[in-house]
Amino acid sequence: MKSPLLSLPGAVAAEGRDEGVAAHYGDLFREQRALADGSGFVDLSHRGVVAVTGDDRLSWLHLLVTQHMTDLAPGRATEALILSANGHIEHALYLVDDGETVWAHVEPGTREELLAYLESMKFFYRVEVADRTDDIAVVHLPAGSIAEVPEGAVVRETPHGRDLFLPRADLESFAASHGPVAGILAYEALRVEGHRPRLGFETDHRTIPHEVGLIGSAVHLQKGCYRGQETVARVQNLGKPPRRLVFLHLDGSEVMLPAHGAPVRLAADGEEGRQLGFVTSAVRHYELGPIALALVKRNVPVDAPLLVGNTAAAQETVVEP
């Protein structure tokens, strides 16, 4: 879905998963600094929006997702996953209940599969599931923002900022009163700095929640049964995940950022060494320079210098081995 804010001066369209919104508006680092200072907003209107209504909405979702939902208070933000039977991450939902409706925004390109799954699980529960992407858009106000929230917008407030669900028809008027607008690259730079995993970037078809640090934030360990719970409990109680998420400081002298999937090796083994992982997200940060997240094998030493392609990388631990 193409955002009307792509018509603003300086807008450069994003590509790939984030197609439909602006990558930046002419000055990537200025946009990052504005967000870090609590100014402006980010257009996330390319994300899918799903609404669940009905008296059983919280108890029903509680049976399907990894998060404890039955006691979710109105206005309290949470996040949850839907796992496969083998415990692999299939969907990530960013949720808030307004007292009548559970609102969720999800990754671009995932809503149709998610909706099909939710519809298949309704049975006799008093719930209705609706795709609201056509009429509701998501925008993000950064942490520290004192911007006024438009009347009627649903707010999902987190330590990283506020996600607003507002009428898509109001996007242009919102931009006029809440600018400056920042592109998705600025948002992504702060996400990578904050070590926050993203579905389809830090995850692949075999990722389990432990590998990317989602135990606790998106996975509640003291709740009833849900699909994939056996794997979660077994790894939590008896074992270790096969991979772990790391944060990388990349050599700033390199001109090009590594692509998603770029191999990670031990620096001591050189470019022909055995691949021990891969880059999941790489960005240019206004203070830290080029940085990245990567998934590596659990037994990679936490203090070992790494090599991404031919670029030197120093690692910081995100998920303990």
C-alpha atoms as a PDB file:
ATOM      1  CA  MET A   1       0.000   0.000   0.000  1.00  0.00           C
ATOM      2  CA  LYS A   2       1.579   3.282  -1.138  1.00  0.00           C
ATOM      3  CA  SER A   3       1.656   6.077   1.423  1.00  0.00           C
ATOM      4  CA  PRO A   4       0.505   9.571   0.411  1.00  0.00           C
ATOM      5  CA  LEU A   5       3.519  10.901   2.323  1.00  0.00           C
ATOM      6  CA  LEU A   6       5.745   9.722  -0.504  1.00  0.00           C
ATOM      7  CA  SER A   7       4.663  12.944  -2.222  1.00  0.00           C
ATOM      8  CA  LEU A   8       6.372  15.105   0.426  1.00  0.00           C
ATOM      9  CA  PRO A   9       9.496  17.037  -0.625  1.00  0.00           C
ATOM     10  CA  GLY A  10      12.682  14.958  -0.613  1.00  0.00           C
ATOM     11  CA  ALA A  11      10.931  11.595  -0.218  1.00  0.00           C
ATOM     12  CA  VAL A  12      12.890   8.632  -1.557  1.00  0.00           C
ATOM     13  CA  ALA A  13      10.849   5.438  -1.729  1.00  0.00           C
ATOM     14  CA  ALA A  14      11.941   2.408   0.281  1.00  0.00           C
ATOM     15  CA  GLU A  15      12.420  -0.920  -1.434  1.00  0.00           C
ATOM     16  CA  GLY A  16      11.924  -4.566  -0.526  1.00  0.00           C
ATOM     17  CA  ARG A  17       9.888  -5.381   2.573  1.00  0.00           C
ATOM     18  CA  ASP A  18       9.347  -1.680   3.357  1.00  0.00           C
ATOM     19  CA  GLU A  19       8.105  -0.708  -0.092  1.00  0.00           C
ATOM     20  CA  GLY A  20       5.231   1.761   0.126  1.00  0.00           C
ATOM     21  CA  VAL A  21       6.769   4.276   2.552  1.00  0.00           C
ATOM     22  CA  ALA A  22       9.802   6.553   2.349  1.00  0.00           C
ATOM     23  CA  ALA A  23      13.309   5.261   3.018  1.00  0.00           C
ATOM     24  CA  HIS A  24      14.291   8.841   3.884  1.00  0.00           C
ATOM     25  CA  TYR A  25      13.402  12.442   3.142  1.00  0.00           C
ATOM     26  CA  GLY A  26      16.808  13.649   2.034  1.00  0.00           C
ATOM     27  CA  ASP A  27      18.912  13.581   5.223  1.00  0.00           C
ATOM     28  CA  LEU A  28      19.191  10.209   6.933  1.00  0.00           C
ATOM     29  CA  PHE A  29      21.292  11.351   9.908  1.00  0.00           C
ATOM     30  CA  ARG A  30      19.202  14.455  10.566  1.00  0.00           C
ATOM     31  CA  GLU A  31      16.111  12.244  10.654  1.00  0.00           C
ATOM     32  CA  GLN A  32      17.805   9.847  13.085  1.00  0.00           C
ATOM     33  CA  ARG A  33      18.838  12.691  15.382  1.00  0.00           C
ATOM     34  CA  ALA A  34      15.312  14.074  15.373  1.00  0.00           C
ATOM     35  CA  LEU A  35      13.869  10.706  16.422  1.00  0.00           C
ATOM     36  CA  ALA A  36      16.558  10.232  19.080  1.00  0.00           C
ATOM     37  CA  ASP A  37      15.644  13.666  20.455  1.00  0.00           C
ATOM     38  CA  GLY A  38      11.946  12.802  20.555  1.00  0.00           C
ATOM     39  CA  SER A  39      10.928  14.907  17.559  1.00  0.00           C
ATOM     40  CA  GLY A  40       8.830  14.120  14.510  1.00  0.00           C
ATOM     41  CA  PHE A  41       7.322  10.778  13.586  1.00  0.00           C
ATOM     42  CA  VAL A  42       7.762   7.770  11.311  1.00  0.00           C
ATOM     43  CA  ASP A  43       5.278   6.684   8.662  1.00  0.00           C
ATOM     44  CA  LEU A  44       4.589   2.969   9.183  1.00  0.00           C
ATOM     45  CA  SER A  45       1.443   2.918   7.084  1.00  0.00           C
ATOM     46  CA  HIS A  46       2.743   0.000   4.998  1.00  0.00           C
ATOM     47  CA  ARG A  47       2.288  -2.348   7.959  1.00  0.00           C
ATOM     48  CA  GLY A  48      -0.763  -4.567   8.205  1.00  0.00           C
ATOM     49  CA  VAL A  49      -3.479  -3.758  10.748  1.00  0.00           C
ATOM     50  CA  VAL A  50      -5.671  -6.480  12.250  1.00  0.00           C
ATOM     51  CA  ALA A  51      -8.551  -5.916  14.676  1.00  0.00           C
ATOM     52  CA  VAL A  52     -10.130  -8.548  16.954  1.00  0.00           C
ATOM     53  CA  THR A  53     -13.482  -7.783  18.586  1.00  0.00           C
ATOM     54  CA  GLY A  54     -15.952  -9.761  20.688  1.00  0.00           C
ATOM     55  CA  ASP A  55     -16.378 -10.766  24.306  1.00  0.00           C
ATOM     56  CA  ASP A  56     -13.925 -13.665  24.027  1.00  0.00           C
ATOM     57  CA  ARG A  57     -11.162 -11.757  22.212  1.00  0.00           C
ATOM     58  CA  LEU A  58      -8.585 -11.851  25.032  1.00  0.00           C
ATOM     59  CA  SER A  59      -9.217 -15.414  26.192  1.00  0.00           C
ATOM     60  CA  TRP A  60      -9.244 -16.605  22.572  1.00  0.00           C
ATOM     61  CA  LEU A  61      -5.965 -14.892  21.703  1.00  0.00           C
ATOM     62  CA  HIS A  62      -4.491 -16.287  24.914  1.00  0.00           C
ATOM     63  CA  LEU A  63      -4.911 -19.792  23.471  1.00  0.00           C
ATOM     64  CA  LEU A  64      -3.155 -18.936  20.196  1.00  0.00           C
ATOM     65  CA  VAL A  65      -0.206 -16.686  20.999  1.00  0.00           C
ATOM     66  CA  THR A  66       2.883 -16.837  23.184  1.00  0.00           C
ATOM     67  CA  GLN A  67       1.861 -13.911  25.392  1.00  0.00           C
ATOM     68  CA  HIS A  68      -0.416 -13.883  28.460  1.00  0.00           C
ATOM     69  CA  MET A  69      -3.546 -12.122  27.189  1.00  0.00           C
ATOM     70  CA  THR A  70      -6.426 -12.831  29.565  1.00  0.00           C
ATOM     71  CA  ASP A  71      -5.539 -10.017  31.984  1.00  0.00           C
ATOM     72  CA  LEU A  72      -4.411  -7.454  29.408  1.00  0.00           C
ATOM     73  CA  ALA A  73      -5.636  -4.088  30.663  1.00  0.00           C
ATOM     74  CA  PRO A  74      -7.031  -1.504  28.227  1.00  0.00           C
ATOM     75  CA  GLY A  75      -4.277   0.743  26.918  1.00  0.00           C
ATOM     76  CA  ARG A  76      -1.430  -1.561  27.911  1.00  0.00           C
ATOM     77  CA  ALA A  77       0.900  -2.460  25.037  1.00  0.00           C
ATOM     78  CA  THR A  78       2.217  -5.964  24.546  1.00  0.00           C
ATOM     79  CA  GLU A  79       3.714  -8.107  21.806  1.00  0.00           C
ATOM     80  CA  ALA A  80       3.211 -11.752  20.950  1.00  0.00           C
ATOM     81  CA  LEU A  81       4.268 -14.465  18.546  1.00  0.00           C
ATOM     82  CA  ILE A  82       2.486 -17.250  16.747  1.00  0.00           C
ATOM     83  CA  LEU A  83       4.691 -20.320  16.479  1.00  0.00           C
ATOM     84  CA  SER A  84       4.652 -23.425  14.348  1.00  0.00           C
ATOM     85  CA  ALA A  85       4.090 -26.811  15.972  1.00  0.00           C
ATOM     86  CA  ASN A  86       7.885 -27.120  16.158  1.00  0.00           C
ATOM     87  CA  GLY A  87       8.272 -23.792  17.933  1.00  0.00           C
ATOM     88  CA  HIS A  88       9.520 -21.753  14.975  1.00  0.00           C
ATOM     89  CA  ILE A  89       8.392 -18.124  14.740  1.00  0.00           C
ATOM     90  CA  GLU A  90       5.702 -17.610  12.097  1.00  0.00           C
ATOM     91  CA  HIS A  91       4.115 -14.272  13.039  1.00  0.00           C
ATOM     92  CA  ALA A  92       4.870 -11.310  15.295  1.00  0.00           C
ATOM     93  CA  LEU A  93       2.006  -9.137  16.566  1.00  0.00           C
ATOM     94  CA  TYR A  94       2.314  -5.730  18.248  1.00  0.00           C
ATOM     95  CA  LEU A  95      -0.858  -5.363  20.289  1.00  0.00           C
ATOM     96  CA  VAL A  96      -2.999  -3.074  22.396  1.00  0.00           C
ATOM     97  CA  ASP A  97      -6.581  -3.439  23.633  1.00  0.00           C
ATOM     98  CA  ASP A  98      -8.754  -0.305  23.784  1.00  0.00           C
ATOM     99  CA  GLY A  99     -11.459  -1.916  25.948  1.00  0.00           C
ATOM    100  CA  GLU A 100     -13.527  -3.128  22.996  1.00  0.00           C
ATOM    101  CA  THR A 101     -11.008  -4.119  20.310  1.00  0.00           C
ATOM    102  CA  VAL A 102      -7.563  -5.671  20.249  1.00  0.00           C
ATOM    103  CA  TRP A 103      -5.522  -3.809  17.647  1.00  0.00           C
ATOM    104  CA  ALA A 104      -2.401  -5.347  16.165  1.00  0.00           C
ATOM    105  CA  HIS A 105       0.072  -4.181  13.582  1.00  0.00           C
ATOM    106  CA  VAL A 106       2.132  -6.757  11.736  1.00  0.00           C
ATOM    107  CA  GLU A 107       4.912  -7.003   9.179  1.00  0.00           C
ATOM    108  CA  PRO A 108       4.128  -6.028   5.579  1.00  0.00           C
ATOM    109  CA  GLY A 109       3.227  -9.083   3.542  1.00  0.00           C
ATOM    110  CA  THR A 110       2.147 -11.231   6.505  1.00  0.00           C
ATOM    111  CA  ARG A 111      -1.428 -10.161   7.229  1.00  0.00           C
ATOM    112  CA  GLU A 112      -3.208 -12.392   4.723  1.00  0.00           C
ATOM    113  CA  GLU A 113      -1.603 -15.570   6.075  1.00  0.00           C
ATOM    114  CA  LEU A 114      -2.185 -14.382   9.638  1.00  0.00           C
ATOM    115  CA  LEU A 115      -5.836 -13.602   8.979  1.00  0.00           C
ATOM    116  CA  ALA A 116      -6.389 -16.990   7.374  1.00  0.00           C
ATOM    117  CA  TYR A 117      -4.917 -18.710  10.426  1.00  0.00           C
ATOM    118  CA  LEU A 118      -6.970 -16.647  12.887  1.00  0.00           C
ATOM    119  CA  GLU A 119     -10.174 -17.274  10.945  1.00  0.00           C
ATOM    120  CA  SER A 120      -9.481 -21.005  10.966  1.00  0.00           C
ATOM    121  CA  MET A 121      -9.206 -20.984  14.762  1.00  0.00           C
ATOM    122  CA  LYS A 122     -12.418 -19.121  15.646  1.00  0.00           C
ATOM    123  CA  PHE A 123     -14.606 -22.213  16.220  1.00  0.00           C
ATOM    124  CA  PHE A 124     -17.415 -21.265  18.617  1.00  0.00           C
ATOM    125  CA  TYR A 125     -15.652 -18.360  20.309  1.00  0.00           C
ATOM    126  CA  ARG A 126     -17.369 -14.973  20.334  1.00  0.00           C
ATOM    127  CA  VAL A 127     -14.792 -13.164  18.246  1.00  0.00           C
ATOM    128  CA  GLU A 128     -14.582 -11.354  14.938  1.00  0.00           C
ATOM    129  CA  VAL A 129     -11.345 -10.800  13.051  1.00  0.00           C
ATOM    130  CA  ALA A 130     -11.023  -7.959  10.547  1.00  0.00           C
ATOM    131  CA  ASP A 131      -8.359  -6.659   8.195  1.00  0.00           C
ATOM    132  CA  ARG A 132      -8.298  -2.892   8.831  1.00  0.00           C
ATOM    133  CA  THR A 133      -5.236  -2.052   6.747  1.00  0.00           C
ATOM    134  CA  ASP A 134      -7.231  -0.213   4.090  1.00  0.00           C
ATOM    135  CA  ASP A 135      -8.691   2.323   6.531  1.00  0.00           C
ATOM    136  CA  ILE A 136      -6.264   2.414   9.491  1.00  0.00           C
ATOM    137  CA  ALA A 137      -2.604   3.425   9.287  1.00  0.00           C
ATOM    138  CA  VAL A 138       0.184   3.125  11.842  1.00  0.00           C
ATOM    139  CA  VAL A 139       2.552   5.975  12.662  1.00  0.00           C
ATOM    140  CA  HIS A 140       5.288   6.026  15.288  1.00  0.00           C
ATOM    141  CA  LEU A 141       6.071   8.842  17.704  1.00  0.00           C
ATOM    142  CA  PRO A 142       9.561   8.388  19.201  1.00  0.00           C
ATOM    143  CA  ALA A 143      10.321   8.046  22.900  1.00  0.00           C
ATOM    144  CA  GLY A 144      10.288  11.440  24.552  1.00  0.00           C
ATOM    145  CA  SER A 145       7.837  12.945  22.073  1.00  0.00           C
ATOM    146  CA  ILE A 146       5.402  15.437  23.567  1.00  0.00           C
ATOM    147  CA  ALA A 147       3.301  15.601  20.400  1.00  0.00           C
ATOM    148  CA  GLU A 148      -0.442  15.661  20.920  1.00  0.00           C
ATOM    149  CA  VAL A 149      -2.266  12.494  19.942  1.00  0.00           C
ATOM    150  CA  PRO A 150      -5.223  13.109  17.617  1.00  0.00           C
ATOM    151  CA  GLU A 151      -8.607  12.536  19.184  1.00  0.00           C
ATOM    152  CA  GLY A 152      -9.856   9.023  18.567  1.00  0.00           C
ATOM    153  CA  ALA A 153      -6.473   7.491  17.714  1.00  0.00           C
ATOM    154  CA  VAL A 154      -5.625   4.245  19.502  1.00  0.00           C
ATOM    155  CA  VAL A 155      -2.255   4.497  21.251  1.00  0.00           C
ATOM    156  CA  ARG A 156       0.200   1.681  21.844  1.00  0.00           C
ATOM    157  CA  GLU A 157       2.824   3.085  24.230  1.00  0.00           C
ATOM    158  CA  THR A 158       6.171   1.307  24.694  1.00  0.00           C
ATOM    159  CA  PRO A 159       9.608   2.273  26.068  1.00  0.00           C
ATOM    160  CA  HIS A 160      10.661   2.950  22.464  1.00  0.00           C
ATOM    161  CA  GLY A 161       7.808   5.322  21.668  1.00  0.00           C
ATOM    162  CA  ARG A 162       4.124   5.376  20.798  1.00  0.00           C
ATOM    163  CA  ASP A 163       2.501   3.566  17.892  1.00  0.00           C
ATOM    164  CA  LEU A 164      -0.704   5.283  16.807  1.00  0.00           C
ATOM    165  CA  PHE A 165      -3.546   3.608  14.925  1.00  0.00           C
ATOM    166  CA  LEU A 166      -5.272   6.455  13.099  1.00  0.00           C
ATOM    167  CA  PRO A 167      -7.553   6.790  10.080  1.00  0.00           C
ATOM    168  CA  ARG A 168      -5.562   6.430   6.875  1.00  0.00           C
ATOM    169  CA  ALA A 169      -7.413   9.420   5.473  1.00  0.00           C
ATOM    170  CA  ASP A 170      -5.805  11.587   8.189  1.00  0.00           C
ATOM    171  CA  LEU A 171      -2.182  10.761   7.313  1.00  0.00           C
ATOM    172  CA  GLU A 172      -1.494  13.968   5.393  1.00  0.00           C
ATOM    173  CA  SER A 173      -3.075  16.247   7.986  1.00  0.00           C
ATOM    174  CA  PHE A 174      -1.192  14.383  10.724  1.00  0.00           C
ATOM    175  CA  ALA A 175       2.085  14.979   8.875  1.00  0.00           C
ATOM    176  CA  ALA A 176       1.328  18.676   8.526  1.00  0.00           C
ATOM    177  CA  SER A 177       0.858  19.076  12.287  1.00  0.00           C
ATOM    178  CA  HIS A 178       3.367  16.531  13.650  1.00  0.00           C
ATOM    179  CA  GLY A 179       6.429  16.846  11.399  1.00  0.00           C
ATOM    180  CA  PRO A 180       9.197  16.520  10.616  1.00  0.00           C
ATOM    181  CA  VAL A 181       8.598  13.072   9.171  1.00  0.00           C
ATOM    182  CA  ALA A 182      11.479  10.566   9.275  1.00  0.00           C
ATOM    183  CA  GLY A 183      11.994   7.705   6.872  1.00  0.00           C
ATOM    184  CA  ILE A 184      12.045   4.004   7.666  1.00  0.00           C
ATOM    185  CA  LEU A 185      15.872   3.913   7.517  1.00  0.00           C
ATOM    186  CA  ALA A 186      16.080   6.232  10.527  1.00  0.00           C
ATOM    187  CA  TYR A 187      13.581   4.058  12.398  1.00  0.00           C
ATOM    188  CA  GLU A 188      15.569   0.941  11.492  1.00  0.00           C
ATOM    189  CA  ALA A 189      18.840   2.485  12.677  1.00  0.00           C
ATOM    190  CA  LEU A 190      17.378   3.051  16.140  1.00  0.00           C
ATOM    191  CA  ARG A 191      15.839  -0.421  16.121  1.00  0.00           C
ATOM    192  CA  VAL A 192      19.192  -2.059  15.397  1.00  0.00           C
ATOM    193  CA  GLU A 193      20.881   0.130  18.016  1.00  0.00           C
ATOM    194  CA  GLY A 194      18.261  -1.092  20.506  1.00  0.00           C
ATOM    195  CA  HIS A 195      18.897  -4.774  19.602  1.00  0.00           C
ATOM    196  CA  ARG A 196      15.230  -5.255  18.718  1.00  0.00           C
ATOM    197  CA  PRO A 197      14.617  -8.200  16.362  1.00  0.00           C
ATOM    198  CA  ARG A 198      12.237  -7.941  13.422  1.00  0.00           C
ATOM    199  CA  LEU A 199      10.314 -10.767  11.802  1.00  0.00           C
ATOM    200  CA  GLY A 200      11.794 -11.709   8.451  1.00  0.00           C
ATOM    201  CA  PHE A 201      15.062  -9.941   9.204  1.00  0.00           C
ATOM    202  CA  GLU A 202      16.356 -11.483  12.424  1.00  0.00           C
ATOM    203  CA  THR A 203      14.213 -14.574  11.849  1.00  0.00           C
ATOM    204  CA  ASP A 204      14.135 -17.297   9.230  1.00  0.00           C
ATOM    205  CA  HIS A 205      12.084 -20.474   8.811  1.00  0.00           C
ATOM    206  CA  ARG A 206      13.788 -22.189  11.774  1.00  0.00           C
ATOM    207  CA  THR A 207      14.175 -19.368  14.314  1.00  0.00           C
ATOM    208  CA  ILE A 208      12.950 -20.071  17.833  1.00  0.00           C
ATOM    209  CA  PRO A 209      12.225 -17.199  20.276  1.00  0.00           C
ATOM    210  CA  HIS A 210      15.239 -17.886  22.518  1.00  0.00           C
ATOM    211  CA  GLU A 211      17.690 -17.212  19.688  1.00  0.00           C
ATOM    212  CA  VAL A 212      16.626 -13.605  19.215  1.00  0.00           C
ATOM    213  CA  GLY A 213      15.923 -12.584  22.813  1.00  0.00           C
ATOM    214  CA  LEU A 214      12.123 -12.661  22.769  1.00  0.00           C
ATOM    215  CA  ILE A 215      11.633 -14.701  25.935  1.00  0.00           C
ATOM    216  CA  GLY A 216       9.914 -12.391  28.387  1.00  0.00           C
ATOM    217  CA  SER A 217       9.073  -9.564  26.014  1.00  0.00           C
ATOM    218  CA  ALA A 218       6.953 -11.631  23.608  1.00  0.00           C
ATOM    219  CA  VAL A 219       6.888 -15.082  25.208  1.00  0.00           C
ATOM    220  CA  HIS A 220       5.319 -15.590  28.648  1.00  0.00           C
ATOM    221  CA  LEU A 221       6.702 -18.671  30.370  1.00  0.00           C
ATOM    222  CA  GLN A 222       3.886 -19.089  32.932  1.00  0.00           C
ATOM    223  CA  LYS A 223       0.791 -19.491  30.808  1.00  0.00           C
ATOM    224  CA  GLY A 224      -1.354 -22.257  29.365  1.00  0.00           C
ATOM    225  CA  CYS A 225      -0.770 -24.344  26.287  1.00  0.00           C
ATOM    226  CA  TYR A 226      -0.274 -22.855  22.834  1.00  0.00           C
ATOM    227  CA  ARG A 227       1.127 -24.233  19.607  1.00  0.00           C
ATOM    228  CA  GLY A 228       4.888 -24.640  19.867  1.00  0.00           C
ATOM    229  CA  GLN A 229       4.978 -24.385  23.669  1.00  0.00           C
ATOM    230  CA  GLU A 230       6.695 -27.751  24.104  1.00  0.00           C
ATOM    231  CA  THR A 231       9.741 -26.536  22.190  1.00  0.00           C
ATOM    232  CA  VAL A 232       9.839 -23.278  24.147  1.00  0.00           C
ATOM    233  CA  ALA A 233       9.675 -25.116  27.486  1.00  0.00           C
ATOM    234  CA  ARG A 234      12.203 -27.764  26.495  1.00  0.00           C
ATOM    235  CA  VAL A 235      14.824 -25.272  25.367  1.00  0.00           C
ATOM    236  CA  GLN A 236      14.173 -23.026  28.365  1.00  0.00           C
ATOM    237  CA  ASN A 237      14.451 -25.822  30.927  1.00  0.00           C
ATOM    238  CA  LEU A 238      16.767 -28.395  29.416  1.00  0.00           C
ATOM    239  CA  GLY A 239      18.934 -26.912  26.715  1.00  0.00           C
ATOM    240  CA  LYS A 240      20.302 -23.957  24.818  1.00  0.00           C
ATOM    241  CA  PRO A 241      19.236 -22.504  21.473  1.00  0.00           C
ATOM    242  CA  PRO A 242      21.495 -23.433  18.542  1.00  0.00           C
ATOM    243  CA  ARG A 243      22.065 -19.794  17.550  1.00  0.00           C
ATOM    244  CA  ARG A 244      22.213 -16.420  19.265  1.00  0.00           C
ATOM    245  CA  LEU A 245      21.669 -12.818  18.232  1.00  0.00           C
ATOM    246  CA  VAL A 246      24.697 -10.504  18.367  1.00  0.00           C
ATOM    247  CA  PHE A 247      25.224  -6.788  17.802  1.00  0.00           C
ATOM    248  CA  LEU A 248      28.101  -5.845  15.512  1.00  0.00           C
ATOM    249  CA  HIS A 249      30.214  -2.718  15.186  1.00  0.00           C
ATOM    250  CA  LEU A 250      31.410  -2.778  11.582  1.00  0.00           C
ATOM    251  CA  ASP A 251      34.623  -1.274  10.222  1.00  0.00           C
ATOM    252  CA  GLY A 252      33.555   2.226   9.218  1.00  0.00           C
ATOM    253  CA  SER A 253      36.067   2.472   6.388  1.00  0.00           C
ATOM    254  CA  GLU A 254      33.966   0.188   4.184  1.00  0.00           C
ATOM    255  CA  VAL A 255      31.728   2.009   1.710  1.00  0.00           C
ATOM    256  CA  MET A 256      28.990  -0.604   1.334  1.00  0.00           C
ATOM    257  CA  LEU A 257      26.868  -2.084   4.094  1.00  0.00           C
ATOM    258  CA  PRO A 258      26.656  -5.890   4.115  1.00  0.00           C
ATOM    259  CA  ALA A 259      23.434  -7.296   2.707  1.00  0.00           C
ATOM    260  CA  HIS A 260      20.990  -9.406   4.630  1.00  0.00           C
ATOM    261  CA  GLY A 261      22.450 -12.913   4.686  1.00  0.00           C
ATOM    262  CA  ALA A 262      26.094 -11.835   4.358  1.00  0.00           C
ATOM    263  CA  PRO A 263      28.276 -14.556   5.932  1.00  0.00           C
ATOM    264  CA  VAL A 264      29.888 -14.073   9.343  1.00  0.00           C
ATOM    265  CA  ARG A 265      33.203 -15.815  10.110  1.00  0.00           C
ATOM    266  CA  LEU A 266      35.923 -15.680  12.722  1.00  0.00           C
ATOM    267  CA  ALA A 267      38.404 -12.973  11.771  1.00  0.00           C
ATOM    268  CA  ALA A 268      41.239 -15.358  12.602  1.00  0.00           C
ATOM    269  CA  ASP A 269      40.021 -17.751   9.884  1.00  0.00           C
ATOM    270  CA  GLY A 270      39.872 -15.110   7.143  1.00  0.00           C
ATOM    271  CA  GLU A 271      37.451 -14.838   4.248  1.00  0.00           C
ATOM    272  CA  GLU A 272      37.800 -18.535   3.399  1.00  0.00           C
ATOM    273  CA  GLY A 273      36.977 -19.664   6.927  1.00  0.00           C
ATOM    274  CA  ARG A 274      33.886 -21.613   7.933  1.00  0.00           C
ATOM    275  CA  GLN A 275      30.669 -19.605   7.988  1.00  0.00           C
ATOM    276  CA  LEU A 276      29.363 -19.295  11.549  1.00  0.00           C
ATOM    277  CA  GLY A 277      26.359 -17.088  10.977  1.00  0.00           C
ATOM    278  CA  PHE A 278      24.867 -14.328   8.848  1.00  0.00           C
ATOM    279  CA  VAL A 279      23.960 -10.656   8.991  1.00  0.00           C
ATOM    280  CA  THR A 280      20.273  -9.999   9.573  1.00  0.00           C
ATOM    281  CA  SER A 281      20.115  -6.170   9.502  1.00  0.00           C
ATOM    282  CA  ALA A 282      22.814  -3.587   8.743  1.00  0.00           C
ATOM    283  CA  VAL A 283      22.403   0.197   9.032  1.00  0.00           C
ATOM    284  CA  ARG A 284      24.337   3.436   9.239  1.00  0.00           C
ATOM    285  CA  HIS A 285      23.899   5.107  12.628  1.00  0.00           C
ATOM    286  CA  TYR A 286      24.391   8.833  13.151  1.00  0.00           C
ATOM    287  CA  GLU A 287      26.687   8.262  16.176  1.00  0.00           C
ATOM    288  CA  LEU A 288      27.871   4.648  16.022  1.00  0.00           C
ATOM    289  CA  GLY A 289      28.623   4.461  12.304  1.00  0.00           C
ATOM    290  CA  PRO A 290      27.878   1.189  10.494  1.00  0.00           C
ATOM    291  CA  ILE A 291      26.274  -1.356  12.824  1.00  0.00           C
ATOM    292  CA  ALA A 292      24.433  -4.625  12.362  1.00  0.00           C
ATOM    293  CA  LEU A 293      22.581  -7.477  13.981  1.00  0.00           C
ATOM    294  CA  ALA A 294      23.576 -11.045  13.138  1.00  0.00           C
ATOM    295  CA  LEU A 295      22.664 -14.604  14.034  1.00  0.00           C
ATOM    296  CA  VAL A 296      25.682 -16.756  14.881  1.00  0.00           C
ATOM    297  CA  LYS A 297      26.211 -20.245  16.230  1.00  0.00           C
ATOM    298  CA  ARG A 298      25.837 -20.399  19.993  1.00  0.00           C
ATOM    299  CA  ASN A 299      29.406 -21.593  20.570  1.00  0.00           C
ATOM    300  CA  VAL A 300      31.083 -18.633  18.823  1.00  0.00           C
ATOM    301  CA  PRO A 301      33.276 -17.055  21.554  1.00  0.00           C
ATOM    302  CA  VAL A 302      31.668 -13.838  22.805  1.00  0.00           C
ATOM    303  CA  ASP A 303      34.962 -11.934  22.630  1.00  0.00           C
ATOM    304  CA  ALA A 304      36.123 -13.201  19.236  1.00  0.00           C
ATOM    305  CA  PRO A 305      36.707 -10.603  16.481  1.00  0.00           C
ATOM    306  CA  LEU A 306      34.506 -11.435  13.514  1.00  0.00           C
ATOM    307  CA  LEU A 307      34.561 -10.913   9.777  1.00  0.00           C
ATOM    308  CA  VAL A 308      31.501  -9.989   7.701  1.00  0.00           C
ATOM    309  CA  GLY A 309      32.490 -10.653   4.108  1.00  0.00           C
ATOM    310  CA  ASN A 310      35.792  -8.784   4.139  1.00  0.00           C
ATOM    311  CA  THR A 311      34.721  -6.253   6.785  1.00  0.00           C
ATOM    312  CA  ALA A 312      36.045  -6.444  10.348  1.00  0.00           C
ATOM    313  CA  ALA A 313      33.369  -6.596  13.046  1.00  0.00           C
ATOM    314  CA  ALA A 314      33.448  -6.397  16.840  1.00  0.00           C
ATOM    315  CA  GLN A 315      30.574  -8.139  18.581  1.00  0.00           C
ATOM    316  CA  GLU A 316      28.450  -7.344  21.606  1.00  0.00           C
ATOM    317  CA  THR A 317      26.321 -10.004  23.267  1.00  0.00           C
ATOM    318  CA  VAL A 318      22.567  -9.700  22.882  1.00  0.00           C
ATOM    319  CA  VAL A 319      21.595 -13.303  23.700  1.00  0.00           C
ATOM    320  CA  GLU A 320      23.850 -15.119  26.136  1.00  0.00           C
ATOM    321  CA  PRO A 321      25.443 -18.332  24.798  1.00  0.00           C
END
